[in-house]
Protein backbone atom coordinates (compact mmCIF):
# COMPACT_ATOMS: atom_id res chain seq x y z
CA UNK A 1 0.00 0.00 0.00
CA UNK A 2 1.11 3.60 -0.67
CA UNK A 3 4.11 2.33 -2.68
CA UNK A 4 4.18 5.29 -5.07
CA UNK A 5 3.77 8.14 -2.58
CA UNK A 6 5.99 6.44 0.01
CA UNK A 7 8.87 6.15 -2.46
CA UNK A 8 8.58 9.85 -3.35
CA UNK A 9 8.38 11.02 0.27
CA UNK A 10 11.29 8.77 1.26
CA UNK A 11 13.41 10.29 -1.50
CA UNK A 12 12.51 13.86 -0.47
CA UNK A 13 13.34 13.19 3.20
CA UNK A 14 16.63 11.45 2.33
CA UNK A 15 17.75 14.42 0.25
CA UNK A 16 17.13 16.86 3.10
CA UNK A 17 18.44 14.68 5.92
CA UNK A 18 21.86 14.52 4.25
CA UNK A 19 22.34 18.28 4.47
CA UNK A 20 24.03 19.88 7.48
CA UNK A 21 22.44 23.21 6.64
CA UNK A 22 19.16 23.98 4.87
CA UNK A 23 18.30 27.12 2.95
CA UNK A 24 14.90 28.59 2.15
CA UNK A 25 15.37 27.35 -1.43
CA UNK A 26 15.95 23.77 -0.16
CA UNK A 27 12.66 23.96 1.75
CA UNK A 28 10.75 25.48 -1.18
CA UNK A 29 12.05 22.72 -3.49
CA UNK A 30 11.07 20.02 -0.98
CA UNK A 31 7.60 21.51 -0.47
CA UNK A 32 7.05 21.66 -4.25
CA UNK A 33 8.04 17.98 -4.54
CA UNK A 34 5.63 17.09 -1.69
CA UNK A 35 2.86 18.96 -3.49
CA UNK A 36 3.46 16.98 -6.71
CA UNK A 37 3.60 13.70 -4.74
CA UNK A 38 0.25 14.42 -3.07
CA UNK A 39 -1.44 15.43 -6.32
CA UNK A 40 -0.08 12.31 -8.05
CA UNK A 41 -1.56 10.30 -5.17
CA UNK A 42 -5.02 11.68 -6.08
CA UNK A 43 -5.34 13.67 -2.84
CA UNK A 44 -8.12 16.29 -2.79
CA UNK A 45 -6.83 19.64 -4.12
CA UNK A 46 -8.05 21.67 -1.13
CA UNK A 47 -6.41 19.18 1.24
CA UNK A 48 -3.13 19.48 -0.68
CA UNK A 49 -3.22 23.29 -0.50
CA UNK A 50 -3.84 23.31 3.27
CA UNK A 51 -1.12 20.72 3.86
CA UNK A 52 1.45 22.53 1.70
CA UNK A 53 0.71 26.02 3.05
CA UNK A 54 0.91 24.83 6.67
CA UNK A 55 4.13 22.89 6.04
CA UNK A 56 5.79 25.80 4.22
CA UNK A 57 4.80 28.31 6.92
CA UNK A 58 6.13 26.16 9.75
CA UNK A 59 9.26 24.98 7.92
CA UNK A 60 10.39 28.46 6.87
CA UNK A 61 10.36 29.61 10.49
CA UNK A 62 13.50 29.74 12.59
CA UNK A 63 12.65 26.32 14.06
CA UNK A 64 14.02 24.52 10.99
CA UNK A 65 16.56 26.96 9.57
CA UNK A 66 18.39 27.29 12.89
CA UNK A 67 17.89 23.73 14.15
CA UNK A 68 20.88 21.57 15.07
CA UNK A 69 19.65 18.94 12.56
CA UNK A 70 17.38 20.85 10.13
CA UNK A 71 16.70 17.76 8.01
CA UNK A 72 15.26 15.84 10.96
CA UNK A 73 13.28 18.89 12.10
CA UNK A 74 11.70 19.25 8.64
CA UNK A 75 10.84 15.54 8.63
CA UNK A 76 9.16 15.93 12.03
CA UNK A 77 7.07 18.86 10.78
CA UNK A 78 5.89 16.87 7.74
CA UNK A 79 5.20 13.82 9.95
CA UNK A 80 3.15 15.84 12.47
CA UNK A 81 1.10 17.43 9.71
CA UNK A 82 0.56 14.04 8.08
CA UNK A 83 -0.72 12.58 11.37
CA UNK A 84 -3.05 15.56 11.76
CA UNK A 85 -4.28 15.06 8.19
CA UNK A 86 -5.13 11.41 8.87
CA UNK A 87 -6.50 11.56 12.39
CA UNK A 88 -9.57 12.70 14.23
CA UNK A 89 -9.07 14.04 17.74
CA UNK A 90 -11.59 11.58 19.15
CA UNK A 91 -13.84 8.61 18.30
CA UNK A 92 -11.09 6.86 16.33
CA UNK A 93 -12.23 3.55 17.85
CA UNK A 94 -15.70 2.00 17.70
CA UNK A 95 -18.11 3.34 20.31
CA UNK A 96 -19.17 0.08 21.96
CA UNK A 97 -21.59 -0.22 24.86
CA UNK A 98 -21.07 -2.56 27.78
CA UNK A 99 -21.41 -6.34 27.26
CA UNK A 100 -24.90 -6.34 28.83
CA UNK A 101 -26.27 -4.02 26.14
CA UNK A 102 -26.51 -4.50 22.37
CA UNK A 103 -24.39 -2.12 20.30
CA UNK A 104 -25.83 -1.64 16.81
CA UNK A 105 -23.58 -1.02 13.81
CA UNK A 106 -25.11 -0.04 10.47
CA UNK A 107 -22.90 -0.81 7.45
CA UNK A 108 -23.34 1.32 4.32
CA UNK A 109 -21.65 1.66 0.95
CA UNK A 110 -21.94 1.27 -2.78
CA UNK A 111 -22.19 -2.12 -4.48
CA UNK A 112 -18.74 -3.59 -4.99
CA UNK A 113 -17.14 -1.70 -2.12
CA UNK A 114 -16.67 -4.91 -0.12
CA UNK A 115 -19.34 -4.06 2.43
CA UNK A 116 -20.61 -7.63 3.03
CA UNK A 117 -17.11 -9.09 3.39
CA UNK A 118 -16.10 -6.20 5.65
CA UNK A 119 -19.15 -6.83 7.85
CA UNK A 120 -17.97 -10.42 8.43
CA UNK A 121 -14.39 -9.27 9.04
CA UNK A 122 -15.61 -6.77 11.62
CA UNK A 123 -17.66 -9.48 13.33
CA UNK A 124 -14.59 -11.70 13.60
CA UNK A 125 -12.47 -8.82 14.93
CA UNK A 126 -15.03 -8.10 17.67
CA UNK A 127 -15.39 -11.79 18.46
CA UNK A 128 -11.63 -12.03 19.08
CA UNK A 129 -12.00 -9.24 21.63
CA UNK A 130 -14.53 -11.27 23.63
CA UNK A 131 -17.72 -9.82 22.14
CA UNK A 132 -20.79 -11.82 20.98
CA UNK A 133 -21.56 -10.37 17.53
CA UNK A 134 -24.44 -11.23 15.25
CA UNK A 135 -24.85 -10.33 11.57
CA UNK A 136 -28.11 -9.24 9.93
CA UNK A 137 -28.70 -9.74 6.20
CA UNK A 138 -30.67 -6.63 5.20
CA UNK A 139 -29.32 -6.53 1.65
CA UNK A 140 -32.38 -7.85 -0.19
CA UNK A 141 -31.48 -6.34 -3.57
CA UNK A 142 -28.24 -7.93 -4.72
CA UNK A 143 -28.66 -11.54 -5.84
CA UNK A 144 -27.00 -14.03 -3.47
CA UNK A 145 -26.13 -11.27 -0.95
CA UNK A 146 -27.85 -13.20 1.85
CA UNK A 147 -26.13 -16.45 0.86
CA UNK A 148 -22.77 -14.69 0.73
CA UNK A 149 -23.21 -13.31 4.25
CA UNK A 150 -24.33 -16.73 5.53
CA UNK A 151 -21.23 -18.38 4.04
CA UNK A 152 -18.96 -15.72 5.55
CA UNK A 153 -20.80 -16.04 8.86
CA UNK A 154 -20.02 -19.76 8.91
CA UNK A 155 -16.35 -19.03 8.18
CA UNK A 156 -16.02 -16.70 11.17
CA UNK A 157 -18.48 -18.72 13.31
CA UNK A 158 -20.89 -15.80 13.78
CA UNK A 159 -24.69 -16.28 13.42
CA UNK A 160 -26.54 -14.51 10.60
CA UNK A 161 -30.14 -13.35 11.08
CA UNK A 162 -32.44 -13.66 8.05
CA UNK A 163 -36.18 -13.82 7.37
CA UNK A 164 -37.08 -16.23 4.56
CA UNK A 165 -39.12 -14.61 1.81
CA UNK A 166 -39.14 -11.17 3.43
CA UNK A 167 -38.91 -8.24 0.99
CA UNK A 168 -38.69 -5.47 3.59
CA UNK A 169 -35.10 -4.71 4.72
CA UNK A 170 -36.37 -2.49 7.54
CA UNK A 171 -38.36 -5.38 9.02
CA UNK A 172 -35.33 -7.69 8.81
CA UNK A 173 -33.12 -5.15 10.61
CA UNK A 174 -35.75 -4.38 13.27
CA UNK A 175 -36.52 -8.03 14.06
CA UNK A 176 -32.80 -8.82 13.95
CA UNK A 177 -32.21 -6.25 16.68
CA UNK A 178 -35.05 -7.69 18.80
CA UNK A 179 -33.59 -11.19 18.37
CA UNK A 180 -30.09 -9.99 19.32
CA UNK A 181 -31.36 -8.35 22.52
CA UNK A 182 -33.42 -11.39 23.47
CA UNK A 183 -30.49 -13.78 22.92
CA UNK A 184 -27.87 -11.51 24.52
CA UNK A 185 -25.74 -10.74 21.47
CA UNK A 186 -23.84 -7.61 22.47
CA UNK A 187 -22.99 -6.35 18.94
CA UNK A 188 -25.38 -6.31 15.98
CA UNK A 189 -23.86 -5.67 12.53
CA UNK A 190 -26.45 -4.82 9.88
CA UNK A 191 -25.40 -5.34 6.25
CA UNK A 192 -27.48 -3.13 3.94
CA UNK A 193 -27.96 -3.09 0.19
CA UNK A 194 -25.72 -1.05 -2.07
CA UNK A 195 -26.13 0.34 -5.57
CA UNK A 196 -23.86 0.83 -8.55
CA UNK A 197 -24.32 4.58 -8.01
CA UNK A 198 -26.01 6.91 -5.53
CA UNK A 199 -29.78 7.31 -5.82
CA UNK A 200 -32.72 8.44 -3.71
CA UNK A 201 -34.16 4.92 -3.35
CA UNK A 202 -30.91 3.72 -1.75
CA UNK A 203 -30.72 6.70 0.58
CA UNK A 204 -34.37 6.42 1.63
CA UNK A 205 -33.98 2.71 2.38
CA UNK A 206 -30.91 3.27 4.57
CA UNK A 207 -32.57 6.24 6.29
CA UNK A 208 -35.58 4.07 7.17
CA UNK A 209 -33.37 1.27 8.52
CA UNK A 210 -31.36 3.79 10.55
CA UNK A 211 -34.54 5.29 12.02
CA UNK A 212 -35.87 1.83 12.92
CA UNK A 213 -32.77 0.57 14.78
CA UNK A 214 -31.11 3.88 15.88
CA UNK A 215 -27.54 2.59 15.35
CA UNK A 216 -24.68 3.47 17.69
CA UNK A 217 -22.28 3.44 14.74
CA UNK A 218 -23.03 4.19 11.08
CA UNK A 219 -20.03 2.93 9.15
CA UNK A 220 -19.41 3.83 5.52
CA UNK A 221 -17.38 1.19 3.67
CA UNK A 222 -15.30 2.76 0.90
CA UNK A 223 -13.16 1.10 -1.73
CA UNK A 224 -9.72 2.67 -1.17
CA UNK A 225 -8.79 2.07 -4.81
CA UNK A 226 -11.47 4.48 -6.08
CA UNK A 227 -9.57 7.47 -4.65
CA UNK A 228 -11.43 10.79 -4.87
CA UNK A 229 -14.63 9.01 -5.92
CA UNK A 230 -14.73 7.32 -2.50
CA UNK A 231 -14.37 10.71 -0.80
CA UNK A 232 -17.20 12.24 -2.87
CA UNK A 233 -19.56 9.34 -2.12
CA UNK A 234 -18.69 9.40 1.60
CA UNK A 235 -19.57 13.09 1.70
CA UNK A 236 -22.97 12.33 0.11
CA UNK A 237 -23.70 9.62 2.69
CA UNK A 238 -22.66 11.95 5.52
CA UNK A 239 -24.99 14.70 4.30
CA UNK A 240 -28.02 12.48 3.65
CA UNK A 241 -27.72 9.70 6.24
CA UNK A 242 -24.91 10.65 8.59
CA UNK A 243 -21.84 8.51 9.21
CA UNK A 244 -19.78 8.04 12.37
CA UNK A 245 -16.73 6.56 10.70
CA UNK A 246 -15.21 4.92 7.65
CA UNK A 247 -13.71 1.53 6.87
CA UNK A 248 -11.40 1.55 3.86
CA UNK A 249 -11.64 -1.80 2.08
CA UNK A 250 -8.96 -3.07 -0.35
CA UNK A 251 -6.46 -0.81 1.41
CA UNK A 252 -3.65 -3.26 0.71
CA UNK A 253 -4.14 -2.73 -3.04
CA UNK A 254 -4.16 1.08 -2.83
CA UNK A 255 -0.80 2.23 -4.23
CA UNK A 256 -1.68 5.94 -4.29
CA UNK A 257 -3.47 6.74 -1.01
CA UNK A 258 -5.75 9.55 -2.20
CA UNK A 259 -8.82 8.31 -0.29
CA UNK A 260 -7.01 7.79 3.02
CA UNK A 261 -5.27 11.18 2.85
CA UNK A 262 -8.42 13.11 1.91
CA UNK A 263 -11.32 11.50 3.79
CA UNK A 264 -10.87 12.92 7.28
CA UNK A 265 -10.33 16.51 6.05
CA UNK A 266 -13.16 16.50 3.50
CA UNK A 267 -15.80 14.43 5.34
CA UNK A 268 -14.74 15.22 8.90
CA UNK A 269 -15.10 11.62 10.05
CA UNK A 270 -12.39 9.21 11.21
CA UNK A 271 -11.15 6.14 9.37
CA UNK A 272 -11.67 3.38 11.93
CA UNK A 273 -10.43 0.25 10.14
CA UNK A 274 -8.62 -0.75 6.97
CA UNK A 275 -9.01 -3.94 4.95
CA UNK A 276 -5.45 -5.24 4.65
CA UNK A 277 -6.01 -8.45 2.66
CA UNK A 278 -8.48 -11.05 1.46
CA UNK A 279 -8.53 -13.25 4.58
CA UNK A 280 -11.21 -12.79 7.22
CA UNK A 281 -8.49 -11.82 9.73
CA UNK A 282 -7.30 -8.98 7.47
CA UNK A 283 -9.07 -6.05 9.12
CA UNK A 284 -6.77 -3.74 11.07
CA UNK A 285 -7.44 -0.71 13.27
CA UNK A 286 -6.42 2.52 11.55
CA UNK A 287 -3.53 4.16 13.40
CA UNK A 288 -2.78 7.59 11.83
CA UNK A 289 0.71 7.85 13.36
CA UNK A 290 1.72 4.43 12.03
CA UNK A 291 0.34 5.12 8.55
CA UNK A 292 2.15 8.48 8.49
CA UNK A 293 5.39 6.67 9.37
CA UNK A 294 4.90 4.24 6.49
CA UNK A 295 4.13 7.02 4.02
CA UNK A 296 7.32 8.87 4.99
CA UNK A 297 9.38 5.68 4.68
CA UNK A 298 10.00 5.51 8.44
CA UNK A 299 8.49 2.03 8.78
CA UNK A 300 6.10 0.80 11.46
CA UNK A 301 8.00 -1.18 14.06
CA UNK A 302 5.07 -1.22 16.51
CA UNK A 303 2.76 -2.97 14.05
CA UNK A 304 5.56 -5.35 13.06
CA UNK A 305 6.09 -6.41 16.68
CA UNK A 306 2.32 -6.73 17.20
CA UNK A 307 2.08 -8.99 14.15
CA UNK A 308 4.86 -11.13 15.61
CA UNK A 309 3.15 -11.28 19.02
CA UNK A 310 -0.14 -12.33 17.40
CA UNK A 311 1.45 -15.28 15.63
CA UNK A 312 4.20 -16.31 18.04
CA UNK A 313 3.26 -18.05 21.26
CA UNK A 314 5.39 -16.71 24.13
CA UNK A 315 5.99 -20.13 25.65
CA UNK A 316 7.05 -21.52 22.29
CA UNK A 317 9.35 -18.52 21.76
CA UNK A 318 11.03 -19.12 25.13
CA UNK A 319 11.48 -22.82 24.29
CA UNK A 320 12.95 -21.84 20.94
CA UNK A 321 15.40 -19.46 22.62
CA UNK A 322 16.50 -22.25 24.98
CA UNK A 323 17.02 -24.56 22.00
CA UNK A 324 19.14 -21.93 20.30
CA UNK A 325 21.18 -21.46 23.48
CA UNK A 326 21.74 -25.22 23.91
CA UNK A 327 22.41 -25.70 20.18
CA UNK A 328 19.49 -28.15 19.83
CA UNK A 329 17.64 -26.08 17.19
CA UNK A 330 16.73 -28.56 14.41
CA UNK A 331 15.17 -28.59 10.96
CA UNK A 332 11.67 -29.10 12.40
CA UNK A 333 12.14 -25.87 14.36
CA UNK A 334 13.28 -24.14 11.18
CA UNK A 335 10.18 -25.42 9.35
CA UNK A 336 7.99 -24.08 12.18
CA UNK A 337 9.62 -20.65 11.82
CA UNK A 338 8.96 -20.61 8.07
CA UNK A 339 5.30 -21.38 8.80
CA UNK A 340 5.19 -18.56 11.37
CA UNK A 341 6.39 -16.16 8.66
CA UNK A 342 3.46 -17.22 6.48
CA UNK A 343 1.02 -16.41 9.30
CA UNK A 344 2.38 -12.88 9.66
CA UNK A 345 1.09 -11.97 6.21
CA UNK A 346 2.46 -11.11 2.81
CA UNK A 347 6.09 -10.12 2.44
CA UNK A 348 5.08 -6.76 0.93
CA UNK A 349 3.20 -5.86 4.13
CA UNK A 350 6.11 -6.84 6.35
CA UNK A 351 8.67 -4.94 4.27
CA UNK A 352 6.79 -1.65 4.46
CA UNK A 353 6.85 -1.88 8.27
CA UNK A 354 10.65 -2.03 8.31
CA UNK A 355 12.23 1.45 8.74
CA UNK A 356 14.09 2.56 5.63
CA UNK A 357 12.86 -0.36 3.51
CA UNK A 358 10.21 1.58 1.57
CA UNK A 359 11.39 2.05 -1.99
CA UNK A 360 14.65 0.23 -1.23
CA UNK A 361 13.48 -3.37 -0.80
CA UNK A 362 10.58 -5.20 -2.41
CA UNK A 363 9.11 -8.67 -2.09
CA UNK A 364 10.90 -9.49 -5.34
CA UNK A 365 14.20 -9.15 -3.45
CA UNK A 366 13.14 -11.88 -0.99
CA UNK A 367 13.72 -15.43 -2.32
CA UNK A 368 10.14 -16.63 -1.63
CA UNK A 369 10.44 -19.48 -4.14
CA UNK A 370 13.53 -20.70 -2.32
CA UNK A 371 11.74 -20.60 1.04
CA UNK A 372 8.85 -22.64 -0.43
CA UNK A 373 11.37 -25.09 -1.82
CA UNK A 374 13.06 -25.39 1.58
CA UNK A 375 9.71 -26.22 3.19
CA UNK A 376 9.11 -28.93 0.59
CA UNK A 377 12.57 -30.40 1.22
CA UNK A 378 12.10 -30.54 5.00
CA UNK A 379 8.61 -32.04 4.61
CA UNK A 380 10.18 -34.86 2.56
CA UNK A 381 12.42 -35.78 5.51
CA UNK A 382 11.59 -38.29 8.25
CA UNK A 383 11.12 -36.98 11.83
CA UNK A 384 14.52 -38.48 12.73
CA UNK A 385 16.22 -36.64 9.86
CA UNK A 386 14.62 -33.34 10.85
CA UNK A 387 15.84 -33.72 14.44
CA UNK A 388 19.36 -34.74 13.38
CA UNK A 389 20.45 -33.50 9.96
CA UNK A 390 23.78 -35.36 10.30
CA UNK A 391 21.89 -38.58 9.48
CA UNK A 392 21.24 -37.31 5.97
CA UNK A 393 23.89 -39.00 3.86
CA UNK A 394 24.11 -39.26 0.05
CA UNK A 395 21.41 -41.96 -0.31
CA UNK A 396 18.96 -40.10 1.91
CA UNK A 397 19.66 -36.85 0.07
CA UNK A 398 18.73 -38.50 -3.24
CA UNK A 399 15.47 -39.79 -1.71
CA UNK A 400 14.61 -36.37 -0.21
CA UNK A 401 15.38 -34.61 -3.51
CA UNK A 402 13.11 -37.00 -5.41
CA UNK A 403 10.32 -36.65 -2.83
CA UNK A 404 10.39 -32.85 -2.91
CA UNK A 405 10.90 -32.44 -6.65
CA UNK A 406 14.27 -30.70 -6.38
CA UNK A 407 17.88 -31.52 -7.21
CA UNK A 408 20.36 -33.10 -4.79
CA UNK A 409 22.39 -29.86 -5.05
CA UNK A 410 19.42 -27.90 -3.64
CA UNK A 411 19.11 -30.34 -0.73
CA UNK A 412 22.85 -29.92 -0.09
CA UNK A 413 22.47 -26.13 -0.17
CA UNK A 414 19.70 -26.19 2.44
CA UNK A 415 21.72 -28.41 4.79
CA UNK A 416 24.80 -26.15 4.46
CA UNK A 417 22.66 -23.07 5.07
CA UNK A 418 21.09 -24.66 8.15
CA UNK A 419 24.51 -25.68 9.51
CA UNK A 420 25.77 -22.11 9.12
CA UNK A 421 22.58 -20.77 10.74
CA UNK A 422 23.06 -23.02 13.79
CA UNK A 423 26.60 -21.77 14.28
CA UNK A 424 25.47 -18.14 14.03
CA UNK A 425 22.64 -18.75 16.51
CA UNK A 426 25.00 -20.33 19.01
CA UNK A 427 27.27 -17.29 18.90
CA UNK A 428 24.37 -14.82 19.20
CA UNK A 429 22.74 -16.57 22.16
CA UNK A 430 25.98 -16.28 24.11
CA UNK A 431 25.68 -12.51 23.72
CA UNK A 432 23.68 -11.24 26.73
CA UNK A 433 23.07 -7.84 25.15
CA UNK A 434 21.47 -9.53 22.13
CA UNK A 435 19.29 -11.74 24.36
CA UNK A 436 17.99 -8.74 26.28
CA UNK A 437 17.20 -6.86 23.06
CA UNK A 438 15.34 -9.91 21.66
CA UNK A 439 13.26 -10.27 24.83
CA UNK A 440 12.35 -6.57 24.85
CA UNK A 441 11.27 -6.66 21.20
CA UNK A 442 9.03 -9.67 21.74
CA UNK A 443 7.47 -8.18 24.88
CA UNK A 444 8.76 -10.79 27.34
C-alpha cells in the first residue's frame, strides 16, 4: 500500500536529511516535490493546498533553519502534519456499549465496495475481543447477498439473522435487533444493500433502517482504490444519512493513497479500520501515526512487533530461545519458523513496516520461491532426519530430492545453510546484550 507516494516522500526526506544546513530554497524545493507527490496520489486539491501552506509556513520559520539537525526537524514537521491530516481528535475507535447491552452497527456503501465481506471481518475482529456479535442480512437487492453473508458467517463462526421470503429490509433489521437483545448478542452488525451509483431509493432505504434501529455506529465502507470518488460518495452519505466513521476496504491494493489522505479533512469523520487483505483476519485498526510513518518511509516497528506477538506463542518462543542457546535447534524448528512467517502476512506488508525499507526493498528481493522449496525439502524428511540433519547422507539426500521435486544440489544447499545458521545462533545466544534486546522486542 502507498508504494508510489511512500517512495517519493522517502526520496525527499533522504535528500534533506543529508544536508548539514538547509536554505529557504531547499525547503521550497522540498515543499514543491511534496505537493506533486500528493497530487499524483489523487489527494483532494483543497487538502493538498492546506497541507502545503501549513508545512511551508512552519518549515520556513526559525525552528528549521536554525535547528541543530534541520533535516530531521523538517521531517518531524511533515510527519506531524501528516498525522493531523489522517486523524480525528476523538472517536477513532468504535463506540461500543457494555457487554450487557446490544451495540448496533449499520454498514453502508456502494455495491462492490466490499461491504458484506467487511461486515464479516468486523464481526470476527469483535469476536476475538470477547464480544458476541451477530450479523443481519438486510441486503435484499443484490442476488446471493444473503447467501454470501451466511457463508462468511459460517467461516467466522458468527450467526446470521435472516427472514425467509421477506422483501422489507427495515423489518429484517428491526426483528434482527429484537432477536439480538433477546439472545444476549452484544454487537449487531447490519449489512445493507448497495447500488452501482447513488440514488434516492438507496438513501431512503438506509434512512428508514437507521430510524428503525437507531444505530450506535453508522459505518461507511469505501473502496480505497477508487480514490477521490470514495471521498465524494462518503460526503454524500454523511450529508443524507450521517456517518460516524469509515472503513477503507482493499487498502492493501491502494498504491496511491488519495482516499485515506483526503477523507478525514473532506468528510470530517475518522477512518476506523482498513481492509489489509483477502482473509477474514485482514481487518486492522487505523492508526494515523503508524500510517504516516509508512508514508514517509519511516516504517512501522510497533505494528511489526504486534504482528509477531499475534502469531508467536510466548511459551514456544522461550522454548525456541532455549534450544538456540543449547544448540538443539533442528530442521523441524526451522520449518515451524517458516510457517510462522506465512502467518504474519504477505512479504510486501512486512517490508513496508521495516524502517528505511520503503522504496529500497521489495518482495521481489526476498527469495520466496527458495523458502517454499526449503519447506518442501524438510517435509520430505523423516522426523529423525529433521531432528538430526547429520543422518542425511548421500542416499537419503537423493530420496529427499526426489520426494520434494528438487535436485540433490538444492538439498545440499539447504543443509549447508542450516549448519551455518546453527553456528550463528549459538554465537548470538551467548551474547547477553542480544538476548535482552530480543526479549524486549518480543514483549517478554
